[in-house]
N, C-alpha and C. Protein backbone atom coordinates (compact mmCIF):
# COMPACT_ATOMS: atom_id res chain seq x y z
N MET A 1 32.20 138.52 130.12
CA MET A 1 32.46 137.64 129.01
C MET A 1 32.97 136.29 129.54
N PRO A 2 32.70 135.20 128.82
CA PRO A 2 33.17 133.89 129.24
C PRO A 2 34.69 133.82 129.19
N ARG A 3 35.25 132.95 130.01
CA ARG A 3 36.70 132.71 130.01
C ARG A 3 36.96 131.37 129.34
N PHE A 4 38.17 131.20 128.84
CA PHE A 4 38.55 129.97 128.17
C PHE A 4 39.60 129.23 128.98
N LEU A 5 39.48 127.92 129.07
CA LEU A 5 40.42 127.09 129.81
C LEU A 5 40.73 125.86 128.98
N PRO A 6 41.92 125.24 129.17
CA PRO A 6 42.25 124.03 128.42
C PRO A 6 41.41 122.84 128.85
N LEU A 7 41.10 122.00 127.89
CA LEU A 7 40.28 120.82 128.16
C LEU A 7 40.93 119.94 129.21
N LEU A 8 42.23 119.81 129.17
CA LEU A 8 42.90 118.92 130.10
C LEU A 8 43.11 119.57 131.46
N LEU A 9 42.73 120.81 131.60
CA LEU A 9 42.94 121.54 132.84
C LEU A 9 41.65 121.69 133.61
N LEU A 10 41.77 122.23 134.82
CA LEU A 10 40.60 122.47 135.66
C LEU A 10 39.65 123.41 134.93
N LEU A 11 38.38 123.09 134.98
CA LEU A 11 37.37 123.90 134.32
C LEU A 11 36.40 124.42 135.36
N SER A 12 36.22 125.72 135.41
CA SER A 12 35.20 126.24 136.30
C SER A 12 33.85 126.02 135.64
N PRO A 13 32.78 125.92 136.41
CA PRO A 13 31.49 125.54 135.86
C PRO A 13 30.99 126.40 134.71
N ALA A 14 31.25 127.69 134.73
CA ALA A 14 30.74 128.55 133.67
C ALA A 14 31.81 128.91 132.66
N ALA A 15 32.92 128.22 132.70
CA ALA A 15 34.04 128.58 131.83
C ALA A 15 33.90 127.96 130.45
N LEU A 16 34.70 128.47 129.56
CA LEU A 16 34.90 127.85 128.27
C LEU A 16 36.23 127.13 128.35
N LEU A 17 36.47 126.20 127.43
CA LEU A 17 37.71 125.46 127.54
C LEU A 17 38.48 125.46 126.24
N ILE A 18 39.70 125.05 126.36
CA ILE A 18 40.56 124.88 125.21
C ILE A 18 40.87 123.39 125.11
N PHE A 19 40.69 122.84 123.95
CA PHE A 19 41.03 121.45 123.74
C PHE A 19 42.48 121.40 123.29
N LEU A 20 43.33 120.84 124.08
CA LEU A 20 44.76 120.80 123.82
C LEU A 20 45.12 119.48 123.17
N LEU A 21 45.63 119.54 121.95
CA LEU A 21 46.02 118.32 121.25
C LEU A 21 47.42 117.94 121.71
N SER A 22 47.55 116.79 122.29
CA SER A 22 48.82 116.36 122.87
C SER A 22 49.78 115.89 121.79
N PRO A 23 51.03 116.40 121.81
CA PRO A 23 52.01 115.91 120.85
C PRO A 23 52.45 114.48 121.16
N CYS A 24 52.05 113.95 122.30
CA CYS A 24 52.44 112.59 122.70
C CYS A 24 51.48 111.54 122.15
N THR A 25 50.43 111.96 121.49
CA THR A 25 49.45 111.01 120.96
C THR A 25 50.12 110.12 119.91
N SER A 26 49.89 108.81 119.98
CA SER A 26 50.54 107.90 119.06
C SER A 26 49.96 107.98 117.65
N LEU A 27 48.70 108.31 117.53
CA LEU A 27 48.08 108.44 116.21
C LEU A 27 47.86 109.91 115.89
N PRO A 28 48.04 110.29 114.63
CA PRO A 28 47.81 111.70 114.29
C PRO A 28 46.33 112.05 114.42
N ILE A 29 46.08 113.26 114.78
CA ILE A 29 44.70 113.76 114.86
C ILE A 29 44.49 114.65 113.65
N ARG A 30 43.47 114.36 112.88
CA ARG A 30 43.18 115.14 111.69
C ARG A 30 41.78 115.72 111.80
N LEU A 31 41.68 117.00 111.53
CA LEU A 31 40.40 117.69 111.59
C LEU A 31 40.13 118.36 110.25
N ASN A 32 38.89 118.35 109.83
CA ASN A 32 38.51 119.11 108.65
C ASN A 32 38.23 120.54 109.06
N LEU A 33 38.96 121.47 108.46
CA LEU A 33 38.77 122.89 108.77
C LEU A 33 37.59 123.43 107.98
N THR A 34 36.84 124.30 108.62
CA THR A 34 35.72 124.97 107.97
C THR A 34 35.96 126.47 108.09
N HIS A 35 36.08 127.15 106.95
CA HIS A 35 36.23 128.60 107.01
C HIS A 35 34.92 129.20 107.48
N ILE A 36 35.02 130.20 108.32
CA ILE A 36 33.83 130.78 108.96
C ILE A 36 32.81 131.29 107.92
N ASP A 37 33.29 131.77 106.78
CA ASP A 37 32.36 132.29 105.76
C ASP A 37 31.70 131.19 104.93
N SER A 38 32.16 129.96 105.05
CA SER A 38 31.52 128.88 104.28
C SER A 38 30.12 128.59 104.79
N LYS A 39 29.81 129.08 105.99
CA LYS A 39 28.46 128.90 106.54
C LYS A 39 27.48 129.87 105.90
N SER A 40 28.01 130.79 105.10
CA SER A 40 27.18 131.77 104.39
C SER A 40 27.55 131.72 102.91
N PRO A 41 27.12 130.67 102.19
CA PRO A 41 27.56 130.47 100.81
C PRO A 41 27.08 131.53 99.83
N ASN A 42 26.09 132.32 100.21
CA ASN A 42 25.57 133.33 99.29
C ASN A 42 26.31 134.65 99.35
N LEU A 43 27.36 134.74 100.16
CA LEU A 43 28.14 135.98 100.23
C LEU A 43 28.93 136.18 98.95
N SER A 44 28.96 137.42 98.48
CA SER A 44 29.79 137.74 97.32
C SER A 44 31.25 137.82 97.77
N MET A 45 32.17 137.85 96.81
CA MET A 45 33.59 137.97 97.14
C MET A 45 33.85 139.28 97.88
N ASP A 46 33.17 140.35 97.48
CA ASP A 46 33.32 141.63 98.19
C ASP A 46 32.86 141.50 99.64
N ASP A 47 31.72 140.83 99.86
CA ASP A 47 31.22 140.64 101.22
C ASP A 47 32.20 139.81 102.06
N ARG A 48 32.75 138.76 101.45
CA ARG A 48 33.73 137.93 102.16
C ARG A 48 34.97 138.75 102.54
N ASN A 49 35.43 139.57 101.60
CA ASN A 49 36.60 140.41 101.88
C ASN A 49 36.30 141.42 102.98
N LEU A 50 35.12 142.03 102.95
CA LEU A 50 34.75 142.99 103.99
C LEU A 50 34.67 142.31 105.36
N ARG A 51 34.13 141.09 105.39
CA ARG A 51 34.05 140.36 106.65
C ARG A 51 35.45 140.00 107.17
N ALA A 52 36.35 139.63 106.26
CA ALA A 52 37.73 139.31 106.66
C ALA A 52 38.42 140.55 107.22
N VAL A 53 38.22 141.69 106.59
CA VAL A 53 38.80 142.94 107.08
C VAL A 53 38.24 143.27 108.46
N LYS A 54 36.93 143.09 108.64
CA LYS A 54 36.30 143.36 109.93
C LYS A 54 36.88 142.45 111.02
N ARG A 55 37.04 141.15 110.73
CA ARG A 55 37.61 140.24 111.71
C ARG A 55 39.04 140.63 112.07
N SER A 56 39.82 141.02 111.06
CA SER A 56 41.20 141.45 111.32
C SER A 56 41.23 142.71 112.16
N LYS A 57 40.33 143.63 111.87
CA LYS A 57 40.27 144.88 112.63
C LYS A 57 39.89 144.61 114.09
N ILE A 58 38.94 143.71 114.30
CA ILE A 58 38.54 143.35 115.67
C ILE A 58 39.72 142.75 116.42
N ARG A 59 40.47 141.84 115.76
CA ARG A 59 41.66 141.26 116.41
C ARG A 59 42.69 142.33 116.73
N MET A 60 42.93 143.24 115.79
CA MET A 60 43.91 144.30 116.00
C MET A 60 43.49 145.20 117.16
N GLU A 61 42.22 145.58 117.22
CA GLU A 61 41.73 146.43 118.31
C GLU A 61 41.85 145.71 119.65
N PHE A 62 41.56 144.43 119.66
CA PHE A 62 41.67 143.67 120.90
C PHE A 62 43.12 143.63 121.38
N ILE A 63 44.03 143.29 120.47
CA ILE A 63 45.45 143.23 120.85
C ILE A 63 45.95 144.59 121.29
N SER A 64 45.57 145.64 120.57
CA SER A 64 45.99 147.00 120.94
C SER A 64 45.48 147.38 122.32
N SER A 65 44.23 147.04 122.61
CA SER A 65 43.68 147.39 123.92
C SER A 65 44.40 146.64 125.04
N ARG A 66 44.81 145.42 124.78
CA ARG A 66 45.54 144.64 125.78
C ARG A 66 46.95 145.18 125.99
N LEU A 67 47.57 145.64 124.92
CA LEU A 67 48.92 146.16 125.04
C LEU A 67 48.96 147.49 125.78
N SER A 68 47.86 148.23 125.74
CA SER A 68 47.83 149.55 126.37
C SER A 68 47.51 149.50 127.86
N THR A 69 47.15 148.32 128.38
CA THR A 69 46.85 148.20 129.81
C THR A 69 48.07 147.70 130.55
N SER A 70 48.19 148.08 131.80
CA SER A 70 49.34 147.65 132.59
C SER A 70 49.00 146.46 133.49
N SER A 71 47.79 145.98 133.42
CA SER A 71 47.36 144.88 134.28
C SER A 71 48.02 143.57 133.86
N LEU A 72 48.35 142.74 134.83
CA LEU A 72 48.86 141.41 134.55
C LEU A 72 47.74 140.41 134.35
N ASP A 73 46.51 140.83 134.60
CA ASP A 73 45.35 139.96 134.45
C ASP A 73 44.97 139.94 132.97
N VAL A 74 45.43 138.93 132.25
CA VAL A 74 45.22 138.86 130.82
C VAL A 74 44.05 137.93 130.54
N ARG A 75 43.05 138.42 129.84
CA ARG A 75 41.88 137.62 129.48
C ARG A 75 41.59 137.84 128.00
N THR A 76 40.92 136.88 127.42
CA THR A 76 40.57 137.02 126.02
C THR A 76 39.09 136.73 125.84
N THR A 77 38.55 137.30 124.81
CA THR A 77 37.19 136.96 124.41
C THR A 77 37.30 136.27 123.06
N VAL A 78 36.63 135.18 122.90
CA VAL A 78 36.66 134.44 121.66
C VAL A 78 35.22 134.32 121.17
N HIS A 79 34.99 134.78 119.97
CA HIS A 79 33.66 134.73 119.37
C HIS A 79 33.75 133.97 118.06
N PHE A 80 32.82 133.08 117.83
CA PHE A 80 32.84 132.31 116.60
C PHE A 80 32.76 133.21 115.37
N ASP A 81 32.09 134.34 115.45
CA ASP A 81 31.96 135.22 114.29
C ASP A 81 33.25 135.95 113.95
N ASN A 82 34.20 136.03 114.87
CA ASN A 82 35.42 136.80 114.65
C ASN A 82 36.63 135.94 114.33
N GLU A 83 36.46 134.67 114.22
CA GLU A 83 37.58 133.77 113.96
C GLU A 83 37.50 133.27 112.53
N GLU A 84 38.62 132.75 112.03
CA GLU A 84 38.69 132.34 110.64
C GLU A 84 38.24 130.89 110.40
N TYR A 85 38.64 129.97 111.28
CA TYR A 85 38.37 128.55 111.03
C TYR A 85 37.75 127.87 112.25
N THR A 86 36.86 126.92 111.96
CA THR A 86 36.29 126.06 112.99
C THR A 86 36.49 124.61 112.56
N ALA A 87 36.28 123.71 113.49
CA ALA A 87 36.34 122.27 113.20
C ALA A 87 35.31 121.58 114.07
N ASP A 88 34.69 120.55 113.54
CA ASP A 88 33.74 119.74 114.28
C ASP A 88 34.40 118.41 114.64
N PHE A 89 34.26 118.00 115.88
CA PHE A 89 34.80 116.72 116.33
C PHE A 89 34.08 116.32 117.60
N ALA A 90 34.40 115.14 118.11
CA ALA A 90 33.78 114.65 119.34
C ALA A 90 34.84 114.56 120.43
N ILE A 91 34.44 114.90 121.67
CA ILE A 91 35.33 114.77 122.82
C ILE A 91 34.59 114.08 123.95
N GLY A 92 35.36 113.47 124.84
CA GLY A 92 34.78 112.86 126.03
C GLY A 92 34.27 111.45 125.81
N THR A 93 33.85 110.84 126.93
CA THR A 93 33.24 109.52 126.92
C THR A 93 32.01 109.57 127.82
N PRO A 94 30.83 109.45 127.25
CA PRO A 94 30.54 109.17 125.85
C PRO A 94 30.90 110.37 124.96
N PRO A 95 31.19 110.11 123.67
CA PRO A 95 31.59 111.18 122.77
C PRO A 95 30.48 112.22 122.60
N VAL A 96 30.88 113.48 122.64
CA VAL A 96 29.95 114.60 122.46
C VAL A 96 30.47 115.44 121.30
N SER A 97 29.63 115.69 120.31
CA SER A 97 30.03 116.52 119.17
C SER A 97 30.12 117.98 119.58
N VAL A 98 31.22 118.63 119.19
CA VAL A 98 31.43 120.04 119.48
C VAL A 98 31.97 120.74 118.24
N THR A 99 31.76 122.03 118.17
CA THR A 99 32.39 122.88 117.17
C THR A 99 33.43 123.71 117.91
N ALA A 100 34.64 123.73 117.38
CA ALA A 100 35.73 124.44 118.05
C ALA A 100 36.31 125.50 117.14
N ILE A 101 36.87 126.53 117.75
CA ILE A 101 37.60 127.57 117.02
C ILE A 101 39.06 127.17 117.00
N LEU A 102 39.67 127.18 115.81
CA LEU A 102 41.08 126.87 115.70
C LEU A 102 41.87 128.15 115.87
N ASP A 103 42.76 128.15 116.81
CA ASP A 103 43.64 129.29 117.05
C ASP A 103 44.86 129.09 116.16
N THR A 104 44.89 129.79 115.02
CA THR A 104 45.97 129.58 114.06
C THR A 104 47.30 130.15 114.54
N GLY A 105 47.30 130.84 115.67
CA GLY A 105 48.54 131.38 116.22
C GLY A 105 49.11 130.50 117.32
N SER A 106 48.55 129.33 117.55
CA SER A 106 49.05 128.44 118.60
C SER A 106 48.65 127.01 118.28
N ASP A 107 48.89 126.11 119.23
CA ASP A 107 48.50 124.71 119.05
C ASP A 107 47.22 124.40 119.82
N LEU A 108 46.40 125.41 120.05
CA LEU A 108 45.18 125.25 120.83
C LEU A 108 43.95 125.25 119.95
N ILE A 109 42.94 124.53 120.40
CA ILE A 109 41.63 124.54 119.78
C ILE A 109 40.65 124.94 120.87
N TRP A 110 39.85 125.97 120.61
CA TRP A 110 38.94 126.52 121.61
C TRP A 110 37.53 126.00 121.38
N THR A 111 36.88 125.56 122.45
CA THR A 111 35.49 125.16 122.36
C THR A 111 34.78 125.50 123.67
N LYS A 112 33.48 125.63 123.59
CA LYS A 112 32.71 125.97 124.79
C LYS A 112 32.61 124.76 125.72
N CYS A 113 32.50 125.06 126.99
CA CYS A 113 32.33 124.02 128.00
C CYS A 113 31.20 124.43 128.92
N GLU A 114 30.24 123.56 129.07
CA GLU A 114 29.08 123.73 129.95
C GLU A 114 28.14 124.84 129.52
N THR A 115 28.43 126.10 129.81
CA THR A 115 27.49 127.18 129.51
C THR A 115 27.24 127.26 128.01
N GLY A 116 26.04 126.94 127.58
CA GLY A 116 25.68 127.02 126.17
C GLY A 116 26.36 125.97 125.31
N SER A 117 26.80 124.88 125.89
CA SER A 117 27.50 123.86 125.14
C SER A 117 26.91 122.49 125.46
N SER A 118 27.14 121.56 124.56
CA SER A 118 26.68 120.20 124.82
C SER A 118 27.71 119.39 125.59
N TYR A 119 28.95 119.89 125.69
CA TYR A 119 29.99 119.16 126.42
C TYR A 119 30.07 119.62 127.87
N ASN A 120 29.98 118.66 128.77
CA ASN A 120 30.09 118.93 130.20
C ASN A 120 31.18 118.00 130.74
N PRO A 121 32.33 118.55 131.15
CA PRO A 121 33.43 117.68 131.58
C PRO A 121 33.07 116.76 132.75
N SER A 122 32.18 117.19 133.62
CA SER A 122 31.81 116.33 134.75
C SER A 122 30.98 115.13 134.31
N ALA A 123 30.43 115.17 133.10
CA ALA A 123 29.65 114.05 132.58
C ALA A 123 30.50 113.09 131.74
N SER A 124 31.79 113.41 131.58
CA SER A 124 32.68 112.58 130.78
C SER A 124 33.51 111.68 131.68
N SER A 125 33.50 110.39 131.40
CA SER A 125 34.28 109.46 132.22
C SER A 125 35.78 109.53 131.92
N THR A 126 36.17 110.17 130.82
CA THR A 126 37.59 110.26 130.47
C THR A 126 38.20 111.62 130.78
N TYR A 127 37.40 112.57 131.26
CA TYR A 127 37.95 113.89 131.61
C TYR A 127 38.73 113.79 132.92
N SER A 128 39.84 114.49 132.97
CA SER A 128 40.57 114.63 134.24
C SER A 128 41.27 115.97 134.25
N ALA A 129 41.39 116.55 135.42
CA ALA A 129 42.08 117.83 135.57
C ALA A 129 43.58 117.59 135.41
N LEU A 130 44.29 118.61 134.97
CA LEU A 130 45.72 118.52 134.76
C LEU A 130 46.45 118.93 136.03
N SER A 131 47.37 118.11 136.46
CA SER A 131 48.14 118.37 137.67
C SER A 131 49.13 119.52 137.46
N CYS A 132 49.42 120.24 138.51
CA CYS A 132 50.42 121.31 138.45
C CYS A 132 51.80 120.77 138.12
N ASP A 133 52.03 119.49 138.35
CA ASP A 133 53.32 118.87 138.06
C ASP A 133 53.51 118.52 136.58
N SER A 134 52.45 118.62 135.80
CA SER A 134 52.51 118.25 134.39
C SER A 134 53.39 119.22 133.59
N ASN A 135 54.07 118.68 132.57
CA ASN A 135 54.85 119.54 131.67
C ASN A 135 53.95 120.53 130.94
N PHE A 136 52.68 120.19 130.74
CA PHE A 136 51.75 121.10 130.07
C PHE A 136 51.43 122.31 130.94
N CYS A 137 51.76 122.26 132.21
CA CYS A 137 51.45 123.35 133.13
C CYS A 137 52.68 124.23 133.39
N GLN A 138 53.60 124.28 132.47
CA GLN A 138 54.82 125.05 132.66
C GLN A 138 54.83 126.34 131.85
N GLY A 139 53.77 126.66 131.15
CA GLY A 139 53.73 127.85 130.30
C GLY A 139 53.52 129.13 131.08
N SER A 140 53.72 130.24 130.40
CA SER A 140 53.59 131.55 131.04
C SER A 140 52.14 131.92 131.33
N LEU A 141 51.19 131.26 130.69
CA LEU A 141 49.77 131.58 130.91
C LEU A 141 49.09 130.57 131.82
N THR A 142 49.87 129.75 132.50
CA THR A 142 49.30 128.77 133.41
C THR A 142 49.57 129.17 134.85
N SER A 143 48.73 128.67 135.74
CA SER A 143 48.92 128.94 137.17
C SER A 143 48.39 127.76 137.98
N CYS A 144 48.76 127.73 139.24
CA CYS A 144 48.32 126.68 140.16
C CYS A 144 47.89 127.33 141.46
N SER A 145 46.83 128.09 141.41
CA SER A 145 46.42 128.85 142.59
C SER A 145 46.03 127.96 143.76
N ASP A 146 45.48 126.79 143.49
CA ASP A 146 45.11 125.90 144.60
C ASP A 146 46.21 124.89 144.91
N GLY A 147 47.31 124.96 144.16
CA GLY A 147 48.44 124.08 144.42
C GLY A 147 48.34 122.68 143.86
N ARG A 148 47.20 122.30 143.30
CA ARG A 148 47.01 120.94 142.81
C ARG A 148 46.62 120.89 141.34
N THR A 149 45.79 121.81 140.90
CA THR A 149 45.23 121.74 139.57
C THR A 149 45.69 122.92 138.73
N CYS A 150 46.16 122.61 137.53
CA CYS A 150 46.66 123.63 136.62
C CYS A 150 45.50 124.40 135.99
N ARG A 151 45.66 125.70 135.89
CA ARG A 151 44.66 126.55 135.24
C ARG A 151 45.34 127.31 134.11
N TYR A 152 44.61 127.52 133.05
CA TYR A 152 45.11 128.28 131.91
C TYR A 152 44.27 129.54 131.81
N GLY A 153 44.90 130.67 131.66
CA GLY A 153 44.15 131.92 131.53
C GLY A 153 44.79 132.83 130.52
N MET A 154 43.94 133.51 129.78
CA MET A 154 44.41 134.51 128.82
C MET A 154 43.69 135.79 129.08
């Protein structure tokens, strides 16, 4: 399964990334949220409820499976069909339109990078890797295996 990494962090070529909205930004960032079921307007209320229950069950099973393992290697799988909200926006220079999954349990926005995506960080003149010295690299899910570039892993 693909892995997810923060946009501001080192990205492996086949990885997925997380777009991290900086609290230091001088202007607010506003995104229009799209509920995942709005892409299927012909669903009945019963169908929507069944899909919501299925998504919740998938999340519960995933969390339960992670809690039952003793490994410190924590990874996540993110699927557009199993999440509640997405947002469309542009990232990079030149701007590239992407659809991202909003992680309602954190301040992260997940989007694909390179593999199966239109955004390629190496093609963006404004992309840069995040240094291990950055305050953003102080979380429990970050590491600096090469000593220079911060990596995010779940």
